[in-house]
């Protein structure tokens, strides 16, 4: 922006509240867009038949990763950002990154093919938590400073404080519906599919061993 443009904006009296703009970006931009790569990742798991390769183990890891991200998000939507909540957010992001490495290792070591497009989807799923956390820390720089000081002097630093300006029920209901539709439903279906396939495979193996034992016993009887 040139100096003349800055003077023009200043003269017009038009100002932008960076804090409000960033908050709207987080609530109506970044958070809703998070569901897109999540659904795309589920599609890739289905296309590569996760239930017949990595199976229930990888699907459970996916559920763990969603909890590691979902709990801090749920708390942030209901409570004020303070040292306690920042600690939960930072811890969740760190653990989520470690679990993401475990997830990819589990998939690669199985027979499931992790295609380049899926790896690219993972890059979004890994970077979005850090983008959200960085924006929140910029919005609440005073709380970051308080965290670095151990919360000294702030009686509310280490307890959950309800939002002074609660989010609307309509927004919370919309996010809950999106989570149910784009996260719980598809990944619940994935886990169920993996569990059913795993049980079916174990039943087949058990029947095969039983048939082999009967065949061996029959051959032994004839030998006598």
Protein backbone atom coordinates (compact mmCIF):
# COMPACT_ATOMS: atom_id res chain seq x y z
CA UNK A 1 0.00 0.00 0.00
CA UNK A 2 1.38 3.41 -1.00
CA UNK A 3 1.50 6.46 1.29
CA UNK A 4 -1.18 8.17 -0.82
CA UNK A 5 -3.51 5.17 -0.44
CA UNK A 6 -2.93 5.14 3.30
CA UNK A 7 -3.76 8.86 3.50
CA UNK A 8 -6.91 8.28 1.44
CA UNK A 9 -8.13 5.51 3.74
CA UNK A 10 -7.31 7.61 6.79
CA UNK A 11 -9.18 10.59 5.36
CA UNK A 12 -12.25 8.52 4.52
CA UNK A 13 -12.51 7.34 8.11
CA UNK A 14 -12.69 3.68 7.06
CA UNK A 15 -10.82 1.44 9.49
CA UNK A 16 -10.46 -2.29 9.83
CA UNK A 17 -10.39 -4.02 13.21
CA UNK A 18 -7.68 -6.62 12.67
CA UNK A 19 -8.78 -8.59 15.72
CA UNK A 20 -12.38 -8.90 14.52
CA UNK A 21 -11.24 -9.73 10.99
CA UNK A 22 -8.92 -12.47 12.27
CA UNK A 23 -11.65 -13.88 14.50
CA UNK A 24 -14.08 -14.02 11.58
CA UNK A 25 -11.40 -15.73 9.49
CA UNK A 26 -10.93 -18.39 12.16
CA UNK A 27 -14.64 -18.97 12.75
CA UNK A 28 -15.99 -18.75 9.22
CA UNK A 29 -12.94 -19.51 7.09
CA UNK A 30 -10.31 -21.76 8.59
CA UNK A 31 -12.49 -23.94 10.84
CA UNK A 32 -15.15 -24.80 8.22
CA UNK A 33 -12.49 -25.38 5.55
CA UNK A 34 -10.87 -27.95 7.85
CA UNK A 35 -13.66 -30.39 7.03
CA UNK A 36 -12.76 -30.50 3.31
CA UNK A 37 -9.36 -32.26 3.58
CA UNK A 38 -10.80 -34.44 6.35
CA UNK A 39 -13.49 -35.82 4.05
CA UNK A 40 -10.98 -36.07 1.18
CA UNK A 41 -8.66 -38.14 3.39
CA UNK A 42 -11.52 -40.49 4.26
CA UNK A 43 -12.24 -40.93 0.55
CA UNK A 44 -8.60 -41.89 -0.03
CA UNK A 45 -8.73 -44.44 2.79
CA UNK A 46 -11.84 -45.97 1.25
CA UNK A 47 -10.37 -46.05 -2.26
CA UNK A 48 -7.25 -47.85 -0.99
CA UNK A 49 -9.41 -50.32 1.00
CA UNK A 50 -8.02 -49.59 4.44
CA UNK A 51 -10.15 -52.36 5.94
CA UNK A 52 -8.18 -54.99 4.00
CA UNK A 53 -4.72 -53.53 4.55
CA UNK A 54 -3.80 -51.40 7.59
CA UNK A 55 -7.17 -52.25 9.14
CA UNK A 56 -8.53 -51.29 12.54
CA UNK A 57 -5.19 -50.10 13.92
CA UNK A 58 -4.86 -47.23 11.45
CA UNK A 59 -8.54 -46.35 11.74
CA UNK A 60 -8.18 -46.07 15.53
CA UNK A 61 -5.17 -43.80 15.02
CA UNK A 62 -7.40 -41.56 12.88
CA UNK A 63 -9.93 -41.40 15.72
CA UNK A 64 -7.15 -40.50 18.16
CA UNK A 65 -5.94 -37.68 15.90
CA UNK A 66 -9.44 -36.25 15.65
CA UNK A 67 -9.73 -36.24 19.44
CA UNK A 68 -6.34 -34.52 19.78
CA UNK A 69 -7.60 -31.68 17.57
CA UNK A 70 -11.28 -31.76 18.49
CA UNK A 71 -10.91 -31.32 22.25
CA UNK A 72 -8.88 -28.07 22.03
CA UNK A 73 -11.29 -26.73 19.38
CA UNK A 74 -14.34 -27.52 21.52
CA UNK A 75 -12.77 -25.82 24.54
CA UNK A 76 -11.80 -22.76 22.50
CA UNK A 77 -15.35 -22.35 21.22
CA UNK A 78 -16.72 -22.28 24.78
CA UNK A 79 -14.00 -20.73 26.94
CA UNK A 80 -11.71 -17.71 27.05
CA UNK A 81 -8.15 -18.09 25.78
CA UNK A 82 -5.82 -18.08 28.78
CA UNK A 83 -2.59 -19.88 29.79
CA UNK A 84 -4.50 -23.08 30.59
CA UNK A 85 -6.28 -23.17 27.24
CA UNK A 86 -3.10 -22.23 25.36
CA UNK A 87 -1.31 -25.11 27.08
CA UNK A 88 -4.03 -27.52 25.96
CA UNK A 89 -3.85 -26.14 22.41
CA UNK A 90 -0.06 -26.35 22.23
CA UNK A 91 -0.05 -29.84 23.71
CA UNK A 92 -2.77 -31.00 21.34
CA UNK A 93 -0.90 -29.65 18.31
CA UNK A 94 2.36 -31.33 19.37
CA UNK A 95 0.73 -34.68 20.12
CA UNK A 96 -1.28 -34.49 16.89
CA UNK A 97 1.94 -34.04 14.89
CA UNK A 98 3.56 -37.04 16.59
CA UNK A 99 0.45 -39.15 15.97
CA UNK A 100 0.42 -38.06 12.32
CA UNK A 101 3.92 -39.52 11.91
CA UNK A 102 2.74 -42.75 13.56
CA UNK A 103 -0.27 -42.81 11.22
CA UNK A 104 1.82 -42.50 8.05
CA UNK A 105 4.31 -45.10 9.30
CA UNK A 106 1.48 -47.53 10.04
CA UNK A 107 -0.02 -47.04 6.58
CA UNK A 108 3.32 -47.38 4.76
CA UNK A 109 4.29 -50.52 6.69
CA UNK A 110 0.97 -52.13 5.76
CA UNK A 111 -0.13 -53.12 2.28
CA UNK A 112 -2.10 -49.89 1.84
CA UNK A 113 -0.78 -47.57 -0.86
CA UNK A 114 -0.43 -43.97 0.33
CA UNK A 115 -0.67 -42.08 -2.95
CA UNK A 116 0.87 -38.62 -3.55
CA UNK A 117 -2.57 -36.97 -3.49
CA UNK A 118 -3.21 -38.42 -0.01
CA UNK A 119 0.17 -37.17 1.19
CA UNK A 120 -0.77 -33.71 -0.11
CA UNK A 121 -4.07 -33.89 1.78
CA UNK A 122 -2.11 -34.77 4.92
CA UNK A 123 -0.06 -31.58 4.49
CA UNK A 124 -3.25 -29.53 4.90
CA UNK A 125 -4.43 -31.56 7.90
CA UNK A 126 -1.07 -31.08 9.62
CA UNK A 127 -0.63 -27.37 8.84
CA UNK A 128 -4.13 -26.15 9.70
CA UNK A 129 -3.77 -26.70 13.48
CA UNK A 130 -0.59 -24.61 13.50
CA UNK A 131 -2.22 -21.90 11.38
CA UNK A 132 -5.16 -21.69 13.78
CA UNK A 133 -2.91 -21.69 16.84
CA UNK A 134 -0.62 -18.99 15.41
CA UNK A 135 -3.63 -16.75 14.71
CA UNK A 136 -5.00 -17.28 18.22
CA UNK A 137 -1.65 -16.48 19.79
CA UNK A 138 -1.47 -13.24 17.80
CA UNK A 139 -4.99 -12.34 18.94
CA UNK A 140 -4.13 -13.08 22.57
CA UNK A 141 -0.53 -11.97 22.86
CA UNK A 142 -1.15 -10.92 26.46
CA UNK A 143 -2.13 -14.47 27.37
CA UNK A 144 0.96 -15.83 25.63
CA UNK A 145 3.05 -13.52 27.80
CA UNK A 146 1.12 -14.68 30.86
CA UNK A 147 1.81 -18.30 29.91
CA UNK A 148 5.53 -17.60 29.59
CA UNK A 149 5.42 -16.10 33.08
CA UNK A 150 3.61 -19.10 34.47
CA UNK A 151 0.36 -17.20 34.90
CA UNK A 152 1.69 -15.19 37.83
CA UNK A 153 -0.68 -12.49 38.99
CA UNK A 154 -3.67 -13.85 37.09
CA UNK A 155 -6.12 -15.78 39.30
CA UNK A 156 -7.92 -17.13 36.20
CA UNK A 157 -4.78 -18.29 34.40
CA UNK A 158 -5.18 -21.98 35.20
CA UNK A 159 -8.93 -22.49 35.12
CA UNK A 160 -11.53 -22.62 32.38
CA UNK A 161 -13.32 -19.29 32.09
CA UNK A 162 -16.55 -19.16 30.01
CA UNK A 163 -16.45 -16.77 27.08
CA UNK A 164 -17.43 -13.21 27.93
CA UNK A 165 -19.01 -12.99 24.48
CA UNK A 166 -20.43 -16.48 23.86
CA UNK A 167 -20.75 -17.66 20.28
CA UNK A 168 -24.29 -17.87 18.97
CA UNK A 169 -26.24 -21.09 19.36
CA UNK A 170 -26.78 -21.11 15.61
CA UNK A 171 -23.04 -21.09 14.92
CA UNK A 172 -22.32 -23.79 17.50
CA UNK A 173 -25.17 -25.92 16.12
CA UNK A 174 -23.81 -25.49 12.60
CA UNK A 175 -20.29 -26.55 13.63
CA UNK A 176 -21.71 -29.52 15.56
CA UNK A 177 -23.70 -30.58 12.49
CA UNK A 178 -20.62 -30.24 10.29
CA UNK A 179 -18.56 -32.33 12.71
CA UNK A 180 -21.23 -35.02 12.76
CA UNK A 181 -21.58 -35.06 8.97
CA UNK A 182 -17.95 -34.63 7.92
CA UNK A 183 -16.07 -36.31 10.77
CA UNK A 184 -18.07 -38.63 13.02
CA UNK A 185 -20.19 -40.20 10.31
CA UNK A 186 -17.49 -41.01 7.70
CA UNK A 187 -14.78 -42.02 10.16
CA UNK A 188 -17.26 -43.98 12.27
CA UNK A 189 -18.22 -45.86 9.09
CA UNK A 190 -14.53 -46.46 8.39
CA UNK A 191 -13.88 -47.90 11.85
CA UNK A 192 -16.98 -50.08 11.66
CA UNK A 193 -15.94 -51.36 8.25
CA UNK A 194 -12.45 -52.20 9.53
CA UNK A 195 -13.80 -53.99 12.61
CA UNK A 196 -16.23 -56.06 10.55
CA UNK A 197 -13.59 -57.03 8.02
CA UNK A 198 -11.15 -57.91 10.80
CA UNK A 199 -13.72 -60.15 12.48
CA UNK A 200 -14.51 -61.80 9.17
CA UNK A 201 -10.83 -62.49 8.50
CA UNK A 202 -10.34 -63.95 11.97
CA UNK A 203 -13.37 -66.20 11.48
CA UNK A 204 -12.00 -67.42 8.16
CA UNK A 205 -8.61 -68.13 9.74
CA UNK A 206 -10.25 -69.99 12.61
CA UNK A 207 -12.34 -72.09 10.23
CA UNK A 208 -9.27 -72.81 8.10
CA UNK A 209 -7.33 -74.00 11.16
CA UNK A 210 -10.29 -76.11 12.24
CA UNK A 211 -10.58 -77.68 8.79
CA UNK A 212 -6.83 -78.35 8.74
CA UNK A 213 -7.03 -80.02 12.16
CA UNK A 214 -9.92 -82.24 11.08
CA UNK A 215 -8.12 -83.17 7.88
CA UNK A 216 -4.98 -84.03 9.84
CA UNK A 217 -6.98 -86.11 12.31
CA UNK A 218 -8.72 -87.94 9.47
CA UNK A 219 -5.41 -88.75 7.80
CA UNK A 220 -3.97 -89.98 11.10
CA UNK A 221 -7.00 -92.28 11.57
CA UNK A 222 -6.56 -93.79 8.12
CA UNK A 223 -2.88 -94.38 8.79
CA UNK A 224 -3.75 -96.68 11.67
